[in-house]
Amino acid sequence: MSNKKLVSSPGQNLKTLYEQVFEKVYPHINGHKKGILFTVIHLIVPENAQEILSLSNISDKASVEEDLSILSDIIDIFVSTPNGKKQQITAQFQEVFNNLLDLSKYENNDLKLFQIVVIGCLIVGVSACLSFLRKAQQSPKNIPSNIPSNIPLGNSSPPQKNPQSLCLVVPASVLGGNIKENYPINISEIGKLIDNSAYFLCIEPAQADTIQNQLELTEENITNVSEQREVYIRINIADAEEIIGKKFPYILKRYLPANGIGVVRKIACLKYLSVSGLDEFNRIF
């Protein structure tokens, strides 16, 4: 991360804020095609996310383009013009928006992700973003000594770290109502799932994709199956490189990032009595 000289322009300070939020949420949204804005809002304001998402009609199934289309609704708040001129005004506003944020440094996919994060920041507000960053920066090592603690940090390029995948097989009874696909999950809840797992595996996301395709998963509603039904759950966890390859549950829990957060990427029942793909997992006896 490079340190930037802060300027007094309100627009530039907001740009710095948006970049820092992007850095923190990027590992949780990189590589995903749906529900990105949904995930961003859950990460920034987990306690108020459901109310905001309901009010804004933001779906966990929305595509990247559908998330980006919300920008035009935001523009409508500031621009009052006949429908015939709206497209022209929107294009001009978009050009100003792009110039302000200096988006040239982002690759095409990261550019869209950054724009969606900015939309999320506009929806939840500056105060919520600052609160999110404070919680994410509790460790002193994340704060450069020459930047005041009351100023959000800047970043000159997208983060490069990728999340790691924790794959578990647990009984349906341990999945509470708050554990859902594309929702954040905290380290405490992850620890409880590990304690109750029959199988687990810690690998990189690409490997997790391959192994997940080998499992026989069903479309059953998890809330309607028996409590002992085996359920597969995959969680992506940022800054969790040290969990890779761990073979024992107590050691795995020791290396979970203390202040980290995961995002549930898949929950599905295993086909009854199926063991396909489970030979790759660590089994707990």
C-alpha atoms as a PDB file:
ATOM      1  CA  MET A   1       0.000   0.000   0.000  1.00  0.00           C
ATOM      2  CA  SER A   2       1.388   3.405  -0.898  1.00  0.00           C
ATOM      3  CA  ASN A   3       0.884   6.475   1.246  1.00  0.00           C
ATOM      4  CA  LYS A   4      -0.766   9.438  -0.446  1.00  0.00           C
ATOM      5  CA  LYS A   5      -0.537  13.064   0.505  1.00  0.00           C
ATOM      6  CA  LEU A   6      -4.043  13.989   1.563  1.00  0.00           C
ATOM      7  CA  VAL A   7      -5.649  17.045   0.006  1.00  0.00           C
ATOM      8  CA  SER A   8      -8.401  19.246   1.292  1.00  0.00           C
ATOM      9  CA  SER A   9     -10.792  18.649  -1.617  1.00  0.00           C
ATOM     10  CA  PRO A  10     -13.938  16.880  -0.347  1.00  0.00           C
ATOM     11  CA  GLY A  11     -14.094  14.912  -3.597  1.00  0.00           C
ATOM     12  CA  GLN A  12     -10.533  13.671  -3.228  1.00  0.00           C
ATOM     13  CA  ASN A  13     -11.098  12.665   0.393  1.00  0.00           C
ATOM     14  CA  LEU A  14     -14.164  10.672  -0.640  1.00  0.00           C
ATOM     15  CA  LYS A  15     -12.083   9.032  -3.379  1.00  0.00           C
ATOM     16  CA  THR A  16      -9.567   7.973  -0.728  1.00  0.00           C
ATOM     17  CA  LEU A  17     -12.368   6.587   1.423  1.00  0.00           C
ATOM     18  CA  TYR A  18     -13.872   4.592  -1.459  1.00  0.00           C
ATOM     19  CA  GLU A  19     -10.485   3.127  -2.387  1.00  0.00           C
ATOM     20  CA  GLN A  20      -9.854   1.978   1.165  1.00  0.00           C
ATOM     21  CA  VAL A  21     -13.268   0.331   1.417  1.00  0.00           C
ATOM     22  CA  PHE A  22     -12.602  -1.337  -1.947  1.00  0.00           C
ATOM     23  CA  GLU A  23      -9.325  -2.732  -0.644  1.00  0.00           C
ATOM     24  CA  LYS A  24     -11.054  -4.323   2.332  1.00  0.00           C
ATOM     25  CA  VAL A  25     -13.988  -5.889   0.467  1.00  0.00           C
ATOM     26  CA  TYR A  26     -12.162  -6.854  -2.738  1.00  0.00           C
ATOM     27  CA  PRO A  27     -11.119 -10.360  -1.563  1.00  0.00           C
ATOM     28  CA  HIS A  28     -14.764 -11.167  -0.859  1.00  0.00           C
ATOM     29  CA  ILE A  29     -16.126 -10.106  -4.270  1.00  0.00           C
ATOM     30  CA  ASN A  30     -13.301 -10.821  -6.706  1.00  0.00           C
ATOM     31  CA  GLY A  31     -14.237 -13.480  -9.225  1.00  0.00           C
ATOM     32  CA  HIS A  32     -17.946 -13.509  -8.475  1.00  0.00           C
ATOM     33  CA  LYS A  33     -20.634 -12.706 -11.002  1.00  0.00           C
ATOM     34  CA  LYS A  34     -23.778 -12.219  -8.901  1.00  0.00           C
ATOM     35  CA  GLY A  35     -24.833 -10.501  -5.704  1.00  0.00           C
ATOM     36  CA  ILE A  36     -21.774  -8.237  -5.488  1.00  0.00           C
ATOM     37  CA  LEU A  37     -23.553  -5.092  -4.259  1.00  0.00           C
ATOM     38  CA  PHE A  38     -25.589  -7.301  -1.930  1.00  0.00           C
ATOM     39  CA  THR A  39     -22.353  -8.666  -0.424  1.00  0.00           C
ATOM     40  CA  VAL A  40     -20.697  -5.228  -0.217  1.00  0.00           C
ATOM     41  CA  ILE A  41     -23.560  -3.795   1.832  1.00  0.00           C
ATOM     42  CA  HIS A  42     -23.596  -6.832   4.126  1.00  0.00           C
ATOM     43  CA  LEU A  43     -19.862  -6.403   4.732  1.00  0.00           C
ATOM     44  CA  ILE A  44     -20.034  -2.665   5.474  1.00  0.00           C
ATOM     45  CA  VAL A  45     -23.214  -2.581   7.592  1.00  0.00           C
ATOM     46  CA  PRO A  46     -24.074  -6.153   8.658  1.00  0.00           C
ATOM     47  CA  GLU A  47     -26.372  -4.933  11.428  1.00  0.00           C
ATOM     48  CA  ASN A  48     -28.563  -2.852   9.064  1.00  0.00           C
ATOM     49  CA  ALA A  49     -27.993  -4.677   5.780  1.00  0.00           C
ATOM     50  CA  GLN A  50     -31.333  -6.433   5.531  1.00  0.00           C
ATOM     51  CA  GLU A  51     -33.325  -3.228   5.980  1.00  0.00           C
ATOM     52  CA  ILE A  52     -31.172  -1.358   3.423  1.00  0.00           C
ATOM     53  CA  LEU A  53     -31.326  -4.191   0.885  1.00  0.00           C
ATOM     54  CA  SER A  54     -35.087  -4.490   1.227  1.00  0.00           C
ATOM     55  CA  LEU A  55     -35.583  -0.739   0.855  1.00  0.00           C
ATOM     56  CA  SER A  56     -33.234  -0.584  -2.159  1.00  0.00           C
ATOM     57  CA  ASN A  57     -34.554  -3.787  -3.764  1.00  0.00           C
ATOM     58  CA  ILE A  58     -30.998  -5.152  -4.095  1.00  0.00           C
ATOM     59  CA  SER A  59     -30.854  -8.885  -4.776  1.00  0.00           C
ATOM     60  CA  ASP A  60     -28.231 -11.536  -4.044  1.00  0.00           C
ATOM     61  CA  LYS A  61     -28.962 -12.844  -7.561  1.00  0.00           C
ATOM     62  CA  ALA A  62     -28.302  -9.524  -9.352  1.00  0.00           C
ATOM     63  CA  SER A  63     -25.721  -9.539 -12.141  1.00  0.00           C
ATOM     64  CA  VAL A  64     -22.818  -7.083 -12.340  1.00  0.00           C
ATOM     65  CA  GLU A  65     -24.690  -5.001 -14.906  1.00  0.00           C
ATOM     66  CA  GLU A  66     -27.844  -4.946 -12.780  1.00  0.00           C
ATOM     67  CA  ASP A  67     -25.820  -3.711  -9.802  1.00  0.00           C
ATOM     68  CA  LEU A  68     -24.208  -1.016 -11.951  1.00  0.00           C
ATOM     69  CA  SER A  69     -27.594   0.125 -13.260  1.00  0.00           C
ATOM     70  CA  ILE A  70     -28.419   1.456  -9.790  1.00  0.00           C
ATOM     71  CA  LEU A  71     -26.056   4.356 -10.526  1.00  0.00           C
ATOM     72  CA  SER A  72     -28.634   5.807 -12.927  1.00  0.00           C
ATOM     73  CA  ASP A  73     -31.200   5.817 -10.102  1.00  0.00           C
ATOM     74  CA  ILE A  74     -28.727   7.689  -7.904  1.00  0.00           C
ATOM     75  CA  ILE A  75     -28.116  10.201 -10.699  1.00  0.00           C
ATOM     76  CA  ASP A  76     -31.874  10.772 -10.968  1.00  0.00           C
ATOM     77  CA  ILE A  77     -31.813  12.167  -7.426  1.00  0.00           C
ATOM     78  CA  PHE A  78     -29.467  14.969  -8.553  1.00  0.00           C
ATOM     79  CA  VAL A  79     -30.672  15.523 -12.097  1.00  0.00           C
ATOM     80  CA  SER A  80     -34.137  16.782 -13.036  1.00  0.00           C
ATOM     81  CA  THR A  81     -34.591  16.729 -16.786  1.00  0.00           C
ATOM     82  CA  PRO A  82     -37.078  15.540 -19.424  1.00  0.00           C
ATOM     83  CA  ASN A  83     -36.769  11.870 -20.313  1.00  0.00           C
ATOM     84  CA  GLY A  84     -35.460  12.704 -23.783  1.00  0.00           C
ATOM     85  CA  LYS A  85     -32.328  14.343 -22.341  1.00  0.00           C
ATOM     86  CA  LYS A  86     -31.802  11.956 -19.438  1.00  0.00           C
ATOM     87  CA  GLN A  87     -29.477   9.614 -21.360  1.00  0.00           C
ATOM     88  CA  GLN A  88     -27.245  12.509 -22.404  1.00  0.00           C
ATOM     89  CA  ILE A  89     -27.121  13.939 -18.870  1.00  0.00           C
ATOM     90  CA  THR A  90     -26.407  10.485 -17.436  1.00  0.00           C
ATOM     91  CA  ALA A  91     -23.479  10.015 -19.830  1.00  0.00           C
ATOM     92  CA  GLN A  92     -22.061  13.413 -18.867  1.00  0.00           C
ATOM     93  CA  PHE A  93     -22.459  12.662 -15.171  1.00  0.00           C
ATOM     94  CA  GLN A  94     -20.739   9.285 -15.692  1.00  0.00           C
ATOM     95  CA  GLU A  95     -17.801  11.027 -17.388  1.00  0.00           C
ATOM     96  CA  VAL A  96     -17.401  13.428 -14.462  1.00  0.00           C
ATOM     97  CA  PHE A  97     -17.746  10.510 -12.027  1.00  0.00           C
ATOM     98  CA  ASN A  98     -14.994   8.580 -13.823  1.00  0.00           C
ATOM     99  CA  ASN A  99     -12.649  11.583 -13.981  1.00  0.00           C
ATOM    100  CA  LEU A 100     -13.096  12.337 -10.279  1.00  0.00           C
ATOM    101  CA  LEU A 101     -12.257   8.788  -9.254  1.00  0.00           C
ATOM    102  CA  ASP A 102      -9.372   8.301 -11.748  1.00  0.00           C
ATOM    103  CA  LEU A 103     -10.489   4.826 -12.829  1.00  0.00           C
ATOM    104  CA  SER A 104      -7.742   4.375 -15.443  1.00  0.00           C
ATOM    105  CA  LYS A 105      -5.617   2.267 -13.061  1.00  0.00           C
ATOM    106  CA  TYR A 106      -8.219  -0.497 -12.813  1.00  0.00           C
ATOM    107  CA  GLU A 107      -8.540  -3.404 -15.206  1.00  0.00           C
ATOM    108  CA  ASN A 108     -11.988  -3.876 -16.771  1.00  0.00           C
ATOM    109  CA  ASN A 109     -13.351  -6.362 -14.198  1.00  0.00           C
ATOM    110  CA  ASP A 110     -11.817  -4.541 -11.234  1.00  0.00           C
ATOM    111  CA  LEU A 111     -13.203  -1.289 -12.608  1.00  0.00           C
ATOM    112  CA  LYS A 112     -16.737  -2.659 -12.462  1.00  0.00           C
ATOM    113  CA  LEU A 113     -16.151  -4.041  -8.975  1.00  0.00           C
ATOM    114  CA  PHE A 114     -14.824  -0.673  -7.811  1.00  0.00           C
ATOM    115  CA  GLN A 115     -17.834   1.141  -9.266  1.00  0.00           C
ATOM    116  CA  ILE A 116     -20.176  -1.245  -7.464  1.00  0.00           C
ATOM    117  CA  VAL A 117     -18.317  -0.658  -4.181  1.00  0.00           C
ATOM    118  CA  VAL A 118     -18.665   3.111  -4.697  1.00  0.00           C
ATOM    119  CA  ILE A 119     -22.407   2.647  -5.275  1.00  0.00           C
ATOM    120  CA  GLY A 120     -22.563   0.663  -2.033  1.00  0.00           C
ATOM    121  CA  CYS A 121     -20.701   3.428  -0.207  1.00  0.00           C
ATOM    122  CA  LEU A 122     -23.137   6.027  -1.533  1.00  0.00           C
ATOM    123  CA  ILE A 123     -26.071   3.944  -0.334  1.00  0.00           C
ATOM    124  CA  VAL A 124     -24.808   3.283   3.215  1.00  0.00           C
ATOM    125  CA  GLY A 125     -23.168   6.693   3.726  1.00  0.00           C
ATOM    126  CA  VAL A 126     -19.781   8.032   4.780  1.00  0.00           C
ATOM    127  CA  SER A 127     -20.323   7.395   8.497  1.00  0.00           C
ATOM    128  CA  ALA A 128     -20.971   3.684   7.905  1.00  0.00           C
ATOM    129  CA  CYS A 129     -17.882   3.417   5.690  1.00  0.00           C
ATOM    130  CA  LEU A 130     -15.671   5.046   8.318  1.00  0.00           C
ATOM    131  CA  SER A 131     -17.048   2.741  11.004  1.00  0.00           C
ATOM    132  CA  PHE A 132     -16.380  -0.275   8.769  1.00  0.00           C
ATOM    133  CA  LEU A 133     -12.772   0.824   8.203  1.00  0.00           C
ATOM    134  CA  ARG A 134     -12.171   1.417  11.902  1.00  0.00           C
ATOM    135  CA  LYS A 135     -13.279  -2.138  12.696  1.00  0.00           C
ATOM    136  CA  ALA A 136     -11.162  -3.519   9.852  1.00  0.00           C
ATOM    137  CA  GLN A 137      -8.081  -1.601  10.974  1.00  0.00           C
ATOM    138  CA  GLN A 138      -7.986  -2.552  14.645  1.00  0.00           C
ATOM    139  CA  SER A 139      -4.537  -4.054  14.242  1.00  0.00           C
ATOM    140  CA  PRO A 140      -1.926  -1.242  14.463  1.00  0.00           C
ATOM    141  CA  LYS A 141       0.212  -2.879  11.765  1.00  0.00           C
ATOM    142  CA  ASN A 142      -2.415  -1.913   9.181  1.00  0.00           C
ATOM    143  CA  ILE A 143      -2.102   1.825   9.896  1.00  0.00           C
ATOM    144  CA  PRO A 144       0.928   3.757   8.534  1.00  0.00           C
ATOM    145  CA  SER A 145       2.437   5.875  11.319  1.00  0.00           C
ATOM    146  CA  ASN A 146       2.518   9.090   9.303  1.00  0.00           C
ATOM    147  CA  ILE A 147      -1.239   9.211   8.602  1.00  0.00           C
ATOM    148  CA  PRO A 148      -3.555  10.609  11.316  1.00  0.00           C
ATOM    149  CA  SER A 149      -5.820   7.974  12.849  1.00  0.00           C
ATOM    150  CA  ASN A 150      -8.930   9.990  12.032  1.00  0.00           C
ATOM    151  CA  ILE A 151      -8.280   9.932   8.265  1.00  0.00           C
ATOM    152  CA  PRO A 152      -9.141   6.940   6.054  1.00  0.00           C
ATOM    153  CA  LEU A 153      -6.127   5.411   4.331  1.00  0.00           C
ATOM    154  CA  GLY A 154      -5.558   5.518   0.582  1.00  0.00           C
ATOM    155  CA  ASN A 155      -4.415   2.862  -1.856  1.00  0.00           C
ATOM    156  CA  SER A 156      -2.977   3.383  -5.312  1.00  0.00           C
ATOM    157  CA  SER A 157      -3.877  -0.008  -6.801  1.00  0.00           C
ATOM    158  CA  PRO A 158      -6.361  -2.848  -6.292  1.00  0.00           C
ATOM    159  CA  PRO A 159      -5.383  -5.383  -3.620  1.00  0.00           C
ATOM    160  CA  GLN A 160      -3.775  -8.581  -4.843  1.00  0.00           C
ATOM    161  CA  LYS A 161      -4.613 -11.047  -2.066  1.00  0.00           C
ATOM    162  CA  ASN A 162      -7.149 -13.729  -2.836  1.00  0.00           C
ATOM    163  CA  PRO A 163      -9.324 -15.432  -0.242  1.00  0.00           C
ATOM    164  CA  GLN A 164      -8.848 -19.078   0.697  1.00  0.00           C
ATOM    165  CA  SER A 165     -11.661 -21.625   0.695  1.00  0.00           C
ATOM    166  CA  LEU A 166     -12.746 -23.590   3.746  1.00  0.00           C
ATOM    167  CA  CYS A 167     -14.985 -26.494   2.719  1.00  0.00           C
ATOM    168  CA  LEU A 168     -16.962 -28.332   5.394  1.00  0.00           C
ATOM    169  CA  VAL A 169     -19.530 -31.076   5.721  1.00  0.00           C
ATOM    170  CA  VAL A 170     -21.762 -30.498   8.747  1.00  0.00           C
ATOM    171  CA  PRO A 171     -25.145 -31.740  10.017  1.00  0.00           C
ATOM    172  CA  ALA A 172     -28.051 -29.515   9.020  1.00  0.00           C
ATOM    173  CA  SER A 173     -28.837 -28.941  12.707  1.00  0.00           C
ATOM    174  CA  VAL A 174     -25.827 -26.628  13.206  1.00  0.00           C
ATOM    175  CA  LEU A 175     -26.760 -24.223  10.417  1.00  0.00           C
ATOM    176  CA  GLY A 176     -28.546 -21.280  11.974  1.00  0.00           C
ATOM    177  CA  GLY A 177     -30.898 -19.024  10.078  1.00  0.00           C
ATOM    178  CA  ASN A 178     -28.177 -16.391   9.591  1.00  0.00           C
ATOM    179  CA  ILE A 179     -25.902 -18.697   7.568  1.00  0.00           C
ATOM    180  CA  LYS A 180     -26.893 -18.179   3.943  1.00  0.00           C
ATOM    181  CA  GLU A 181     -25.207 -18.101   0.558  1.00  0.00           C
ATOM    182  CA  ASN A 182     -23.475 -14.796  -0.292  1.00  0.00           C
ATOM    183  CA  TYR A 183     -23.809 -13.591   3.309  1.00  0.00           C
ATOM    184  CA  PRO A 184     -20.825 -12.732   5.521  1.00  0.00           C
ATOM    185  CA  ILE A 185     -19.995 -15.070   8.398  1.00  0.00           C
ATOM    186  CA  ASN A 186     -17.739 -14.181  11.315  1.00  0.00           C
ATOM    187  CA  ILE A 187     -14.824 -16.201  12.665  1.00  0.00           C
ATOM    188  CA  SER A 188     -16.721 -17.272  15.783  1.00  0.00           C
ATOM    189  CA  GLU A 189     -19.464 -18.840  13.673  1.00  0.00           C
ATOM    190  CA  ILE A 190     -16.858 -20.496  11.435  1.00  0.00           C
ATOM    191  CA  GLY A 191     -15.226 -22.001  14.528  1.00  0.00           C
ATOM    192  CA  LYS A 192     -18.542 -23.532  15.607  1.00  0.00           C
ATOM    193  CA  LEU A 193     -19.005 -25.100  12.169  1.00  0.00           C
ATOM    194  CA  ILE A 194     -15.510 -26.592  12.337  1.00  0.00           C
ATOM    195  CA  ASP A 195     -16.280 -28.063  15.776  1.00  0.00           C
ATOM    196  CA  ASN A 196     -19.341 -29.811  14.354  1.00  0.00           C
ATOM    197  CA  SER A 197     -17.928 -30.875  10.993  1.00  0.00           C
ATOM    198  CA  ALA A 198     -17.553 -34.468   9.812  1.00  0.00           C
ATOM    199  CA  TYR A 199     -15.231 -33.486   6.951  1.00  0.00           C
ATOM    200  CA  PHE A 200     -13.189 -30.366   6.211  1.00  0.00           C
ATOM    201  CA  LEU A 201     -10.687 -29.115   3.655  1.00  0.00           C
ATOM    202  CA  CYS A 202      -8.655 -25.902   3.379  1.00  0.00           C
ATOM    203  CA  ILE A 203      -7.583 -25.104  -0.179  1.00  0.00           C
ATOM    204  CA  GLU A 204      -7.286 -22.365  -2.778  1.00  0.00           C
ATOM    205  CA  PRO A 205     -10.517 -21.321  -4.549  1.00  0.00           C
ATOM    206  CA  ALA A 206      -9.562 -22.866  -7.907  1.00  0.00           C
ATOM    207  CA  GLN A 207      -9.020 -26.242  -6.264  1.00  0.00           C
ATOM    208  CA  ALA A 208     -12.249 -25.818  -4.313  1.00  0.00           C
ATOM    209  CA  ASP A 209     -14.136 -25.323  -7.588  1.00  0.00           C
ATOM    210  CA  THR A 210     -12.767 -28.605  -8.914  1.00  0.00           C
ATOM    211  CA  ILE A 211     -13.573 -30.597  -5.779  1.00  0.00           C
ATOM    212  CA  GLN A 212     -17.014 -29.019  -5.428  1.00  0.00           C
ATOM    213  CA  ASN A 213     -17.847 -30.227  -8.939  1.00  0.00           C
ATOM    214  CA  GLN A 214     -17.022 -33.783  -7.834  1.00  0.00           C
ATOM    215  CA  LEU A 215     -19.537 -33.709  -4.984  1.00  0.00           C
ATOM    216  CA  GLU A 216     -23.095 -34.906  -5.516  1.00  0.00           C
ATOM    217  CA  LEU A 217     -25.096 -31.909  -4.326  1.00  0.00           C
ATOM    218  CA  THR A 218     -28.875 -31.585  -4.361  1.00  0.00           C
ATOM    219  CA  GLU A 219     -31.306 -28.686  -4.718  1.00  0.00           C
ATOM    220  CA  GLU A 220     -33.193 -29.560  -1.524  1.00  0.00           C
ATOM    221  CA  ASN A 221     -34.308 -26.830   0.851  1.00  0.00           C
ATOM    222  CA  ILE A 222     -32.009 -27.223   3.848  1.00  0.00           C
ATOM    223  CA  THR A 223     -34.711 -26.037   6.246  1.00  0.00           C
ATOM    224  CA  ASN A 224     -36.858 -29.038   5.312  1.00  0.00           C
ATOM    225  CA  VAL A 225     -34.320 -31.857   5.726  1.00  0.00           C
ATOM    226  CA  SER A 226     -33.591 -33.895   8.859  1.00  0.00           C
ATOM    227  CA  GLU A 227     -31.254 -32.457  11.466  1.00  0.00           C
ATOM    228  CA  GLN A 228     -28.615 -35.108  10.789  1.00  0.00           C
ATOM    229  CA  ARG A 229     -28.574 -34.629   7.004  1.00  0.00           C
ATOM    230  CA  GLU A 230     -25.060 -33.887   5.760  1.00  0.00           C
ATOM    231  CA  VAL A 231     -24.694 -30.405   4.307  1.00  0.00           C
ATOM    232  CA  TYR A 232     -21.772 -29.038   2.301  1.00  0.00           C
ATOM    233  CA  ILE A 233     -20.756 -25.449   3.037  1.00  0.00           C
ATOM    234  CA  ARG A 234     -17.970 -23.487   1.368  1.00  0.00           C
ATOM    235  CA  ILE A 235     -16.649 -20.300   2.947  1.00  0.00           C
ATOM    236  CA  ASN A 236     -14.134 -17.916   1.377  1.00  0.00           C
ATOM    237  CA  ILE A 237     -11.935 -16.242   3.994  1.00  0.00           C
ATOM    238  CA  ALA A 238      -9.618 -13.306   3.257  1.00  0.00           C
ATOM    239  CA  ASP A 239      -6.084 -13.123   4.708  1.00  0.00           C
ATOM    240  CA  ALA A 240      -6.240 -16.804   5.604  1.00  0.00           C
ATOM    241  CA  GLU A 241      -3.254 -18.228   3.737  1.00  0.00           C
ATOM    242  CA  GLU A 242      -2.084 -20.039   6.861  1.00  0.00           C
ATOM    243  CA  ILE A 243      -5.123 -22.336   6.970  1.00  0.00           C
ATOM    244  CA  ILE A 244      -4.125 -24.029   3.716  1.00  0.00           C
ATOM    245  CA  GLY A 245      -3.395 -27.735   4.152  1.00  0.00           C
ATOM    246  CA  LYS A 246      -4.255 -27.946   7.854  1.00  0.00           C
ATOM    247  CA  LYS A 247      -5.240 -31.506   8.827  1.00  0.00           C
ATOM    248  CA  PHE A 248      -6.598 -31.154  12.366  1.00  0.00           C
ATOM    249  CA  PRO A 249      -9.563 -29.030  13.515  1.00  0.00           C
ATOM    250  CA  TYR A 250      -7.878 -27.476  16.555  1.00  0.00           C
ATOM    251  CA  ILE A 251      -4.870 -26.422  14.448  1.00  0.00           C
ATOM    252  CA  LEU A 252      -7.148 -25.057  11.721  1.00  0.00           C
ATOM    253  CA  LYS A 253      -9.023 -22.910  14.250  1.00  0.00           C
ATOM    254  CA  ARG A 254      -5.732 -21.604  15.639  1.00  0.00           C
ATOM    255  CA  TYR A 255      -4.764 -20.215  12.220  1.00  0.00           C
ATOM    256  CA  LEU A 256      -8.058 -18.529  11.372  1.00  0.00           C
ATOM    257  CA  PRO A 257      -7.508 -14.734  11.102  1.00  0.00           C
ATOM    258  CA  ALA A 258      -8.570 -13.290  14.463  1.00  0.00           C
ATOM    259  CA  ASN A 259     -10.325 -10.214  13.055  1.00  0.00           C
ATOM    260  CA  GLY A 260     -11.272 -11.797   9.758  1.00  0.00           C
ATOM    261  CA  ILE A 261     -14.607 -12.389   8.125  1.00  0.00           C
ATOM    262  CA  GLY A 262     -15.728 -14.916   5.570  1.00  0.00           C
ATOM    263  CA  VAL A 263     -18.397 -15.047   2.893  1.00  0.00           C
ATOM    264  CA  VAL A 264     -20.510 -18.163   2.417  1.00  0.00           C
ATOM    265  CA  ARG A 265     -20.206 -19.146  -1.233  1.00  0.00           C
ATOM    266  CA  LYS A 266     -22.131 -22.410  -1.305  1.00  0.00           C
ATOM    267  CA  ILE A 267     -24.560 -24.344   0.882  1.00  0.00           C
ATOM    268  CA  ALA A 268     -26.174 -27.532  -0.380  1.00  0.00           C
ATOM    269  CA  CYS A 269     -27.217 -30.949   0.861  1.00  0.00           C
ATOM    270  CA  LEU A 270     -25.064 -33.901  -0.125  1.00  0.00           C
ATOM    271  CA  LYS A 271     -26.931 -36.619  -1.946  1.00  0.00           C
ATOM    272  CA  TYR A 272     -28.033 -39.191   0.637  1.00  0.00           C
ATOM    273  CA  LEU A 273     -25.226 -41.695   1.394  1.00  0.00           C
ATOM    274  CA  SER A 274     -23.015 -40.216  -1.346  1.00  0.00           C
ATOM    275  CA  VAL A 275     -19.262 -40.154  -0.688  1.00  0.00           C
ATOM    276  CA  SER A 276     -18.255 -38.883  -4.133  1.00  0.00           C
ATOM    277  CA  GLY A 277     -15.467 -36.300  -3.816  1.00  0.00           C
ATOM    278  CA  LEU A 278     -15.141 -36.686  -0.044  1.00  0.00           C
ATOM    279  CA  ASP A 279     -11.915 -38.689  -0.358  1.00  0.00           C
ATOM    280  CA  GLU A 280     -10.165 -35.315  -0.829  1.00  0.00           C
ATOM    281  CA  PHE A 281     -11.353 -34.094   2.589  1.00  0.00           C
ATOM    282  CA  ASN A 282      -9.958 -34.570   6.068  1.00  0.00           C
ATOM    283  CA  ARG A 283     -12.375 -36.827   7.930  1.00  0.00           C
ATOM    284  CA  ILE A 284     -13.080 -36.300  11.631  1.00  0.00           C
ATOM    285  CA  PHE A 285     -13.690 -39.494  13.551  1.00  0.00           C
END
